[in-house]
N, C-alpha and C. Protein backbone atom coordinates (compact mmCIF):
# COMPACT_ATOMS: atom_id res chain seq x y z
N MET A 1 0.84 -1.19 0.00
CA MET A 1 0.00 0.00 0.00
C MET A 1 0.88 1.24 0.00
N ARG A 2 0.64 2.13 -0.94
CA ARG A 2 1.44 3.35 -1.04
C ARG A 2 0.59 4.55 -0.65
N LEU A 3 1.14 5.38 0.23
CA LEU A 3 0.43 6.58 0.66
C LEU A 3 0.88 7.77 -0.17
N HIS A 4 -0.04 8.60 -0.53
CA HIS A 4 0.27 9.81 -1.28
C HIS A 4 0.19 11.01 -0.36
N ARG A 5 1.17 11.89 -0.50
CA ARG A 5 1.17 13.11 0.30
C ARG A 5 0.26 14.14 -0.35
N CYS A 6 -0.55 14.76 0.46
CA CYS A 6 -1.43 15.83 -0.01
C CYS A 6 -1.07 17.10 0.73
N PRO A 7 -1.04 18.22 0.03
CA PRO A 7 -0.77 19.47 0.74
C PRO A 7 -1.90 19.78 1.70
N ILE A 8 -1.55 20.01 2.93
CA ILE A 8 -2.55 20.33 3.95
C ILE A 8 -2.45 21.81 4.26
N SER A 9 -3.58 22.47 4.30
CA SER A 9 -3.59 23.87 4.67
C SER A 9 -4.47 24.03 5.89
N ILE A 10 -4.08 24.94 6.74
CA ILE A 10 -4.83 25.26 7.94
C ILE A 10 -5.45 26.63 7.75
N ARG A 11 -6.72 26.76 8.08
CA ARG A 11 -7.42 28.02 7.89
C ARG A 11 -7.63 28.68 9.24
N ARG A 12 -7.39 29.99 9.28
CA ARG A 12 -7.65 30.79 10.48
C ARG A 12 -8.42 32.02 10.06
N VAL A 13 -9.39 32.38 10.87
CA VAL A 13 -10.17 33.59 10.64
C VAL A 13 -9.86 34.56 11.78
N VAL A 14 -9.43 35.78 11.42
CA VAL A 14 -9.13 36.82 12.39
C VAL A 14 -9.97 38.03 12.01
N GLY A 15 -10.98 38.32 12.81
CA GLY A 15 -11.89 39.41 12.46
C GLY A 15 -12.59 39.08 11.15
N SER A 16 -12.44 39.96 10.18
CA SER A 16 -13.06 39.73 8.88
C SER A 16 -12.09 39.13 7.86
N LYS A 17 -10.88 38.79 8.30
CA LYS A 17 -9.84 38.24 7.40
C LYS A 17 -9.73 36.73 7.55
N THR A 18 -9.44 36.06 6.44
CA THR A 18 -9.21 34.62 6.44
C THR A 18 -7.80 34.35 5.91
N PHE A 19 -7.07 33.48 6.62
CA PHE A 19 -5.70 33.15 6.26
C PHE A 19 -5.56 31.64 6.11
N TYR A 20 -4.69 31.21 5.20
CA TYR A 20 -4.35 29.81 5.03
C TYR A 20 -2.86 29.63 5.24
N LEU A 21 -2.48 28.57 5.95
CA LEU A 21 -1.08 28.24 6.16
C LEU A 21 -0.67 27.25 5.09
N ARG A 22 0.24 27.68 4.23
CA ARG A 22 0.75 26.83 3.15
C ARG A 22 2.25 26.94 3.11
N ASP A 23 2.93 25.83 3.15
CA ASP A 23 4.40 25.80 3.09
C ASP A 23 5.03 26.68 4.16
N GLY A 24 4.42 26.72 5.34
CA GLY A 24 4.98 27.47 6.46
C GLY A 24 4.72 28.97 6.40
N ILE A 25 3.88 29.43 5.48
CA ILE A 25 3.61 30.86 5.33
C ILE A 25 2.11 31.09 5.43
N TRP A 26 1.71 32.04 6.29
CA TRP A 26 0.31 32.42 6.39
C TRP A 26 -0.02 33.37 5.26
N LYS A 27 -1.06 33.06 4.49
CA LYS A 27 -1.43 33.88 3.34
C LYS A 27 -2.86 34.36 3.49
N ASP A 28 -3.06 35.65 3.27
CA ASP A 28 -4.39 36.26 3.31
C ASP A 28 -5.11 35.92 2.02
N VAL A 29 -6.30 35.33 2.12
CA VAL A 29 -7.01 34.93 0.91
C VAL A 29 -7.46 36.14 0.10
N GLY A 30 -7.54 37.31 0.70
CA GLY A 30 -7.94 38.51 -0.01
C GLY A 30 -6.81 39.21 -0.74
N TYR A 31 -5.59 38.73 -0.56
CA TYR A 31 -4.42 39.35 -1.18
C TYR A 31 -4.22 38.78 -2.58
N PRO A 32 -4.14 39.63 -3.60
CA PRO A 32 -3.95 39.12 -4.96
C PRO A 32 -2.65 38.30 -5.08
N VAL A 33 -2.74 37.16 -5.68
CA VAL A 33 -1.61 36.23 -5.79
C VAL A 33 -0.45 36.81 -6.58
N ASP A 34 -0.75 37.58 -7.62
CA ASP A 34 0.32 38.08 -8.49
C ASP A 34 0.92 39.40 -8.03
N ASP A 35 0.47 39.96 -6.89
CA ASP A 35 1.07 41.20 -6.37
C ASP A 35 2.45 40.92 -5.79
N MET A 36 3.32 41.91 -5.87
CA MET A 36 4.69 41.78 -5.38
C MET A 36 4.72 41.84 -3.84
N THR A 37 5.59 41.08 -3.25
CA THR A 37 5.82 41.13 -1.80
C THR A 37 7.29 41.41 -1.55
N LEU A 38 7.60 41.88 -0.36
CA LEU A 38 8.97 42.14 0.03
C LEU A 38 9.30 41.32 1.27
N ASP A 39 10.50 40.79 1.33
CA ASP A 39 10.96 40.03 2.49
C ASP A 39 11.84 40.92 3.35
N TYR A 40 11.61 40.88 4.66
CA TYR A 40 12.41 41.63 5.61
C TYR A 40 12.96 40.66 6.64
N LYS A 41 14.27 40.64 6.81
CA LYS A 41 14.88 39.78 7.81
C LYS A 41 14.68 40.41 9.18
N PHE A 42 14.11 39.66 10.12
CA PHE A 42 13.86 40.18 11.45
C PHE A 42 15.16 40.66 12.09
N GLY A 43 15.12 41.86 12.64
CA GLY A 43 16.27 42.42 13.33
C GLY A 43 17.23 43.18 12.43
N SER A 44 16.98 43.19 11.12
CA SER A 44 17.89 43.89 10.21
C SER A 44 17.59 45.40 10.24
N GLU A 45 18.52 46.18 9.72
CA GLU A 45 18.34 47.64 9.65
C GLU A 45 17.09 47.97 8.83
N ARG A 46 16.93 47.27 7.73
CA ARG A 46 15.77 47.49 6.86
C ARG A 46 14.46 47.19 7.60
N TYR A 47 14.46 46.15 8.41
CA TYR A 47 13.29 45.79 9.20
C TYR A 47 12.92 46.91 10.17
N PHE A 48 13.92 47.44 10.89
CA PHE A 48 13.65 48.48 11.87
C PHE A 48 13.22 49.79 11.21
N ARG A 49 13.71 50.08 10.00
CA ARG A 49 13.22 51.26 9.26
C ARG A 49 11.74 51.09 8.92
N LEU A 50 11.37 49.90 8.51
CA LEU A 50 9.97 49.61 8.21
C LEU A 50 9.09 49.82 9.44
N VAL A 51 9.52 49.26 10.56
CA VAL A 51 8.75 49.39 11.80
C VAL A 51 8.65 50.85 12.23
N ALA A 52 9.77 51.59 12.15
CA ALA A 52 9.76 53.00 12.54
C ALA A 52 8.80 53.81 11.67
N ASN A 53 8.77 53.54 10.38
CA ASN A 53 7.84 54.25 9.49
C ASN A 53 6.40 53.88 9.77
N TYR A 54 6.18 52.64 10.15
CA TYR A 54 4.82 52.16 10.45
C TYR A 54 4.28 52.82 11.72
N LEU A 55 5.15 53.05 12.70
CA LEU A 55 4.73 53.59 14.00
C LEU A 55 4.59 55.11 14.02
N LYS A 56 4.93 55.78 12.93
CA LYS A 56 4.82 57.25 12.87
C LYS A 56 3.39 57.70 12.91
């Protein structure tokens, strides 16, 4: 008997938003798939600039 792996996603609802966990990343179902995203390494200078601008 051979078992097949199926991608499992976990769904979470926060307020009016719905998120799915896929490949270790939480994704907002309302976010367009083809839109660009940026990665920020936690603790980096770039990360802290982002946080500082957000808190203004």
